[in-house]
């Protein structure tokens, strides 16, 4: 995903996809087990992806 965001030809589609994923993750309540699972899946994620997810969260009233 990080490579797709940084390449001009795929940036918009990757960004839209990441926005949908982030919205689905953060727009509902989750148990502590689910939050732990999401955190484990996010471990080692590319910096561009993490930054995009945090930007989306901040724009929508969430905190990274």
C-alpha atoms as a PDB file:
ATOM      1  CA  UNK A   1       0.000   0.000   0.000  1.00  0.00           C
ATOM      2  CA  UNK A   2       2.829   2.395   0.820  1.00  0.00           C
ATOM      3  CA  UNK A   3       4.372   1.961  -2.625  1.00  0.00           C
ATOM      4  CA  UNK A   4       1.019   2.494  -4.286  1.00  0.00           C
ATOM      5  CA  UNK A   5       0.447   5.759  -2.395  1.00  0.00           C
ATOM      6  CA  UNK A   6       3.838   7.140  -3.379  1.00  0.00           C
ATOM      7  CA  UNK A   7       3.559   6.299  -7.093  1.00  0.00           C
ATOM      8  CA  UNK A   8       1.829   9.001  -9.086  1.00  0.00           C
ATOM      9  CA  UNK A   9      -0.104   6.596 -11.324  1.00  0.00           C
ATOM     10  CA  UNK A  10      -1.676   4.682  -8.408  1.00  0.00           C
ATOM     11  CA  UNK A  11      -1.706   7.321  -5.682  1.00  0.00           C
ATOM     12  CA  UNK A  12      -5.348   8.392  -5.933  1.00  0.00           C
ATOM     13  CA  UNK A  13      -6.783   4.866  -6.040  1.00  0.00           C
ATOM     14  CA  UNK A  14      -4.577   3.750  -3.135  1.00  0.00           C
ATOM     15  CA  UNK A  15      -5.509   6.829  -1.140  1.00  0.00           C
ATOM     16  CA  UNK A  16      -9.222   6.209  -1.699  1.00  0.00           C
ATOM     17  CA  UNK A  17      -8.818   2.567  -0.692  1.00  0.00           C
ATOM     18  CA  UNK A  18      -6.940   3.514   2.481  1.00  0.00           C
ATOM     19  CA  UNK A  19      -9.610   6.112   3.352  1.00  0.00           C
ATOM     20  CA  UNK A  20     -12.307   3.424   3.106  1.00  0.00           C
ATOM     21  CA  UNK A  21     -10.277   1.019   5.231  1.00  0.00           C
ATOM     22  CA  UNK A  22      -9.550   3.648   7.882  1.00  0.00           C
ATOM     23  CA  UNK A  23     -13.189   4.730   8.004  1.00  0.00           C
ATOM     24  CA  UNK A  24     -14.316   1.138   8.482  1.00  0.00           C
ATOM     25  CA  UNK A  25     -11.818   0.609  11.290  1.00  0.00           C
ATOM     26  CA  UNK A  26     -12.528   3.766  13.265  1.00  0.00           C
ATOM     27  CA  UNK A  27     -16.221   4.468  12.718  1.00  0.00           C
ATOM     28  CA  UNK A  28     -17.504   1.823  15.094  1.00  0.00           C
ATOM     29  CA  UNK A  29     -16.750   0.714  18.600  1.00  0.00           C
ATOM     30  CA  UNK A  30     -14.492  -2.255  19.057  1.00  0.00           C
ATOM     31  CA  UNK A  31     -13.519  -4.511  21.895  1.00  0.00           C
ATOM     32  CA  UNK A  32     -10.066  -4.363  23.404  1.00  0.00           C
ATOM     33  CA  UNK A  33      -9.265  -7.632  21.631  1.00  0.00           C
ATOM     34  CA  UNK A  34     -10.229  -6.131  18.268  1.00  0.00           C
ATOM     35  CA  UNK A  35      -8.155  -3.019  18.969  1.00  0.00           C
ATOM     36  CA  UNK A  36      -5.171  -5.198  19.874  1.00  0.00           C
ATOM     37  CA  UNK A  37      -5.592  -7.162  16.628  1.00  0.00           C
ATOM     38  CA  UNK A  38      -5.703  -3.957  14.572  1.00  0.00           C
ATOM     39  CA  UNK A  39      -2.585  -2.693  16.360  1.00  0.00           C
ATOM     40  CA  UNK A  40      -0.744  -5.944  15.645  1.00  0.00           C
ATOM     41  CA  UNK A  41      -1.747  -5.797  11.976  1.00  0.00           C
ATOM     42  CA  UNK A  42      -0.544  -2.187  11.748  1.00  0.00           C
ATOM     43  CA  UNK A  43       2.855  -2.980  13.240  1.00  0.00           C
ATOM     44  CA  UNK A  44       5.565  -2.287  10.670  1.00  0.00           C
ATOM     45  CA  UNK A  45       3.247  -0.446   8.296  1.00  0.00           C
ATOM     46  CA  UNK A  46       4.896   1.931   5.832  1.00  0.00           C
ATOM     47  CA  UNK A  47       5.302   5.533   7.033  1.00  0.00           C
ATOM     48  CA  UNK A  48       3.235   6.920   4.147  1.00  0.00           C
ATOM     49  CA  UNK A  49       0.331   4.645   5.081  1.00  0.00           C
ATOM     50  CA  UNK A  50       0.536   5.507   8.780  1.00  0.00           C
ATOM     51  CA  UNK A  51       0.651   9.226   8.012  1.00  0.00           C
ATOM     52  CA  UNK A  52      -2.329   8.993   5.694  1.00  0.00           C
ATOM     53  CA  UNK A  53      -4.331   7.052   8.274  1.00  0.00           C
ATOM     54  CA  UNK A  54      -3.492   9.583  11.005  1.00  0.00           C
ATOM     55  CA  UNK A  55      -4.398  12.501   8.735  1.00  0.00           C
ATOM     56  CA  UNK A  56      -7.750  10.873   7.955  1.00  0.00           C
ATOM     57  CA  UNK A  57      -8.418  10.265  11.640  1.00  0.00           C
ATOM     58  CA  UNK A  58      -7.544  13.820  12.644  1.00  0.00           C
ATOM     59  CA  UNK A  59      -9.744  15.278   9.885  1.00  0.00           C
ATOM     60  CA  UNK A  60     -12.644  13.203  11.163  1.00  0.00           C
ATOM     61  CA  UNK A  61     -12.295  13.937  14.868  1.00  0.00           C
ATOM     62  CA  UNK A  62     -10.311  10.882  15.935  1.00  0.00           C
ATOM     63  CA  UNK A  63      -6.892  10.792  17.517  1.00  0.00           C
ATOM     64  CA  UNK A  64      -4.078   8.604  16.274  1.00  0.00           C
END
